[in-house]
């Protein structure tokens, strides 16, 4: 815990344009168009291959046949859901979008929240 606002010194060379806090993780996008994530990654909500906790920001890599991806916004969402059976399901998911209208989603799709026509 840290009750005092503290500078995240990981981003010294680039201006932070925006941030979004999800359930136990965060997304930060920079003026150079890169997106970073950090925190819990139980269902891939950080957008990196390993589903492990990351206490420091990691760059999200996008697959795009059009070349480089310039992120202009992102949103972190979801929560842990405990079913009546006692099963714990994480609904954590992320969304990012570019200036040309391309949208990317990743993380949990337990309720179809990724918009990819499957769960």
C-alpha atoms as a PDB file:
ATOM      1  CA  UNK A   1       0.000   0.000   0.000  1.00  0.00           C
ATOM      2  CA  UNK A   2       1.027   3.558  -0.636  1.00  0.00           C
ATOM      3  CA  UNK A   3      -1.408   6.267   0.529  1.00  0.00           C
ATOM      4  CA  UNK A   4       0.764   9.081  -0.882  1.00  0.00           C
ATOM      5  CA  UNK A   5       0.718   9.934  -4.622  1.00  0.00           C
ATOM      6  CA  UNK A   6       4.139   8.981  -5.974  1.00  0.00           C
ATOM      7  CA  UNK A   7       5.773   9.678  -9.347  1.00  0.00           C
ATOM      8  CA  UNK A   8       6.174   6.575 -11.492  1.00  0.00           C
ATOM      9  CA  UNK A   9       9.708   7.172 -12.708  1.00  0.00           C
ATOM     10  CA  UNK A  10       9.562   4.499 -15.411  1.00  0.00           C
ATOM     11  CA  UNK A  11       8.444   7.052 -18.039  1.00  0.00           C
ATOM     12  CA  UNK A  12      11.204   9.702 -17.888  1.00  0.00           C
ATOM     13  CA  UNK A  13      11.705  10.304 -21.642  1.00  0.00           C
ATOM     14  CA  UNK A  14       8.130  10.340 -22.912  1.00  0.00           C
ATOM     15  CA  UNK A  15       5.077  12.303 -21.910  1.00  0.00           C
ATOM     16  CA  UNK A  16       2.224  10.286 -20.447  1.00  0.00           C
ATOM     17  CA  UNK A  17      -0.954  11.120 -22.374  1.00  0.00           C
ATOM     18  CA  UNK A  18      -3.412   9.000 -20.407  1.00  0.00           C
ATOM     19  CA  UNK A  19      -3.965   6.214 -17.922  1.00  0.00           C
ATOM     20  CA  UNK A  20      -6.710   3.801 -16.988  1.00  0.00           C
ATOM     21  CA  UNK A  21      -6.991   1.755 -13.795  1.00  0.00           C
ATOM     22  CA  UNK A  22      -8.630  -1.655 -13.939  1.00  0.00           C
ATOM     23  CA  UNK A  23      -9.157  -4.278 -11.257  1.00  0.00           C
ATOM     24  CA  UNK A  24      -5.613  -4.817  -9.905  1.00  0.00           C
ATOM     25  CA  UNK A  25      -3.844  -3.498 -13.023  1.00  0.00           C
ATOM     26  CA  UNK A  26      -3.258  -0.284 -14.991  1.00  0.00           C
ATOM     27  CA  UNK A  27      -2.691   0.875 -18.559  1.00  0.00           C
ATOM     28  CA  UNK A  28      -0.642   3.949 -19.519  1.00  0.00           C
ATOM     29  CA  UNK A  29      -0.286   5.371 -23.022  1.00  0.00           C
ATOM     30  CA  UNK A  30       2.441   7.774 -24.076  1.00  0.00           C
ATOM     31  CA  UNK A  31       2.785  10.640 -26.529  1.00  0.00           C
ATOM     32  CA  UNK A  32       4.908   8.401 -28.771  1.00  0.00           C
ATOM     33  CA  UNK A  33       1.912   6.039 -29.237  1.00  0.00           C
ATOM     34  CA  UNK A  34       3.204   3.181 -27.074  1.00  0.00           C
ATOM     35  CA  UNK A  35       1.016   1.463 -24.488  1.00  0.00           C
ATOM     36  CA  UNK A  36       2.322   0.032 -21.207  1.00  0.00           C
ATOM     37  CA  UNK A  37       0.636  -2.135 -18.596  1.00  0.00           C
ATOM     38  CA  UNK A  38       1.457  -3.282 -15.082  1.00  0.00           C
ATOM     39  CA  UNK A  39      -0.115  -5.168 -12.180  1.00  0.00           C
ATOM     40  CA  UNK A  40      -2.025  -8.456 -12.085  1.00  0.00           C
ATOM     41  CA  UNK A  41      -2.150 -10.530 -15.287  1.00  0.00           C
ATOM     42  CA  UNK A  42      -4.174 -13.633 -14.427  1.00  0.00           C
ATOM     43  CA  UNK A  43      -6.139 -13.696 -17.700  1.00  0.00           C
ATOM     44  CA  UNK A  44      -3.779 -11.834 -20.032  1.00  0.00           C
ATOM     45  CA  UNK A  45      -5.197  -8.382 -19.307  1.00  0.00           C
ATOM     46  CA  UNK A  46      -1.703  -6.843 -19.503  1.00  0.00           C
ATOM     47  CA  UNK A  47      -1.406  -7.835 -23.169  1.00  0.00           C
ATOM     48  CA  UNK A  48       1.854  -9.717 -22.734  1.00  0.00           C
ATOM     49  CA  UNK A  49       2.452 -13.468 -23.254  1.00  0.00           C
ATOM     50  CA  UNK A  50       3.171 -14.483 -19.649  1.00  0.00           C
ATOM     51  CA  UNK A  51       0.192 -14.436 -17.284  1.00  0.00           C
ATOM     52  CA  UNK A  52       2.260 -13.366 -14.295  1.00  0.00           C
ATOM     53  CA  UNK A  53       2.213 -10.332 -12.034  1.00  0.00           C
ATOM     54  CA  UNK A  54       4.286  -7.397 -13.324  1.00  0.00           C
ATOM     55  CA  UNK A  55       5.109  -4.703 -10.725  1.00  0.00           C
ATOM     56  CA  UNK A  56       6.874  -2.590 -13.370  1.00  0.00           C
ATOM     57  CA  UNK A  57       5.395  -1.364 -16.677  1.00  0.00           C
ATOM     58  CA  UNK A  58       5.753  -3.638 -19.717  1.00  0.00           C
ATOM     59  CA  UNK A  59       5.172  -2.523 -23.294  1.00  0.00           C
ATOM     60  CA  UNK A  60       2.127  -4.012 -25.010  1.00  0.00           C
ATOM     61  CA  UNK A  61       3.046  -5.365 -28.450  1.00  0.00           C
ATOM     62  CA  UNK A  62       0.344  -5.198 -31.114  1.00  0.00           C
ATOM     63  CA  UNK A  63      -0.028  -7.468 -34.139  1.00  0.00           C
ATOM     64  CA  UNK A  64      -1.104  -5.385 -37.100  1.00  0.00           C
ATOM     65  CA  UNK A  65      -0.594  -6.126 -40.779  1.00  0.00           C
ATOM     66  CA  UNK A  66      -0.716  -2.383 -41.500  1.00  0.00           C
ATOM     67  CA  UNK A  67       2.641  -1.641 -39.831  1.00  0.00           C
ATOM     68  CA  UNK A  68       3.232   0.259 -36.618  1.00  0.00           C
ATOM     69  CA  UNK A  69       0.392   0.926 -34.186  1.00  0.00           C
ATOM     70  CA  UNK A  70      -0.042   4.386 -32.622  1.00  0.00           C
ATOM     71  CA  UNK A  71      -2.316   4.164 -29.578  1.00  0.00           C
ATOM     72  CA  UNK A  72      -4.369   7.277 -28.758  1.00  0.00           C
ATOM     73  CA  UNK A  73      -6.502   5.814 -25.957  1.00  0.00           C
ATOM     74  CA  UNK A  74      -7.105   2.757 -23.799  1.00  0.00           C
ATOM     75  CA  UNK A  75      -9.370   1.451 -21.071  1.00  0.00           C
ATOM     76  CA  UNK A  76      -8.801  -1.128 -18.345  1.00  0.00           C
ATOM     77  CA  UNK A  77     -11.844  -2.907 -16.990  1.00  0.00           C
ATOM     78  CA  UNK A  78     -13.267  -5.917 -15.261  1.00  0.00           C
ATOM     79  CA  UNK A  79     -13.392  -7.432 -11.824  1.00  0.00           C
ATOM     80  CA  UNK A  80     -13.120 -10.749 -10.047  1.00  0.00           C
ATOM     81  CA  UNK A  81     -16.449 -12.558  -9.927  1.00  0.00           C
ATOM     82  CA  UNK A  82     -17.193 -15.322  -7.426  1.00  0.00           C
ATOM     83  CA  UNK A  83     -19.890 -17.696  -8.668  1.00  0.00           C
ATOM     84  CA  UNK A  84     -22.386 -19.421  -6.365  1.00  0.00           C
ATOM     85  CA  UNK A  85     -20.328 -22.587  -6.740  1.00  0.00           C
ATOM     86  CA  UNK A  86     -17.382 -20.741  -5.174  1.00  0.00           C
ATOM     87  CA  UNK A  87     -15.454 -20.582  -8.447  1.00  0.00           C
ATOM     88  CA  UNK A  88     -13.534 -17.348  -8.945  1.00  0.00           C
ATOM     89  CA  UNK A  89     -13.623 -15.890 -12.481  1.00  0.00           C
ATOM     90  CA  UNK A  90     -11.645 -12.843 -13.526  1.00  0.00           C
ATOM     91  CA  UNK A  91     -13.422 -10.606 -16.041  1.00  0.00           C
ATOM     92  CA  UNK A  92     -10.410  -8.287 -16.418  1.00  0.00           C
ATOM     93  CA  UNK A  93      -9.988  -7.099 -19.980  1.00  0.00           C
ATOM     94  CA  UNK A  94      -8.400  -4.229 -21.902  1.00  0.00           C
ATOM     95  CA  UNK A  95      -9.299  -2.128 -24.923  1.00  0.00           C
ATOM     96  CA  UNK A  96      -7.043   0.201 -26.940  1.00  0.00           C
ATOM     97  CA  UNK A  97      -7.699   2.264 -30.038  1.00  0.00           C
ATOM     98  CA  UNK A  98      -5.712   4.083 -32.697  1.00  0.00           C
ATOM     99  CA  UNK A  99      -6.205   7.335 -34.567  1.00  0.00           C
ATOM    100  CA  UNK A 100      -7.265   5.497 -37.739  1.00  0.00           C
ATOM    101  CA  UNK A 101     -10.143   3.738 -35.977  1.00  0.00           C
ATOM    102  CA  UNK A 102      -8.575   0.342 -35.277  1.00  0.00           C
ATOM    103  CA  UNK A 103      -9.587  -1.189 -31.946  1.00  0.00           C
ATOM    104  CA  UNK A 104      -7.763  -3.957 -30.072  1.00  0.00           C
ATOM    105  CA  UNK A 105      -9.149  -6.032 -27.172  1.00  0.00           C
ATOM    106  CA  UNK A 106      -7.490  -8.643 -24.941  1.00  0.00           C
ATOM    107  CA  UNK A 107      -7.791 -10.392 -21.589  1.00  0.00           C
ATOM    108  CA  UNK A 108     -10.796 -12.257 -20.247  1.00  0.00           C
ATOM    109  CA  UNK A 109     -13.695 -12.932 -22.585  1.00  0.00           C
ATOM    110  CA  UNK A 110     -15.808 -14.803 -20.003  1.00  0.00           C
ATOM    111  CA  UNK A 111     -18.906 -12.740 -20.840  1.00  0.00           C
ATOM    112  CA  UNK A 112     -18.138 -11.813 -24.453  1.00  0.00           C
ATOM    113  CA  UNK A 113     -16.655  -8.462 -23.399  1.00  0.00           C
ATOM    114  CA  UNK A 114     -13.891  -8.560 -26.038  1.00  0.00           C
ATOM    115  CA  UNK A 115     -16.349  -8.267 -28.935  1.00  0.00           C
ATOM    116  CA  UNK A 116     -14.709 -11.118 -30.871  1.00  0.00           C
ATOM    117  CA  UNK A 117     -17.878 -13.236 -31.269  1.00  0.00           C
ATOM    118  CA  UNK A 118     -16.729 -15.988 -28.892  1.00  0.00           C
ATOM    119  CA  UNK A 119     -16.337 -16.611 -25.164  1.00  0.00           C
END
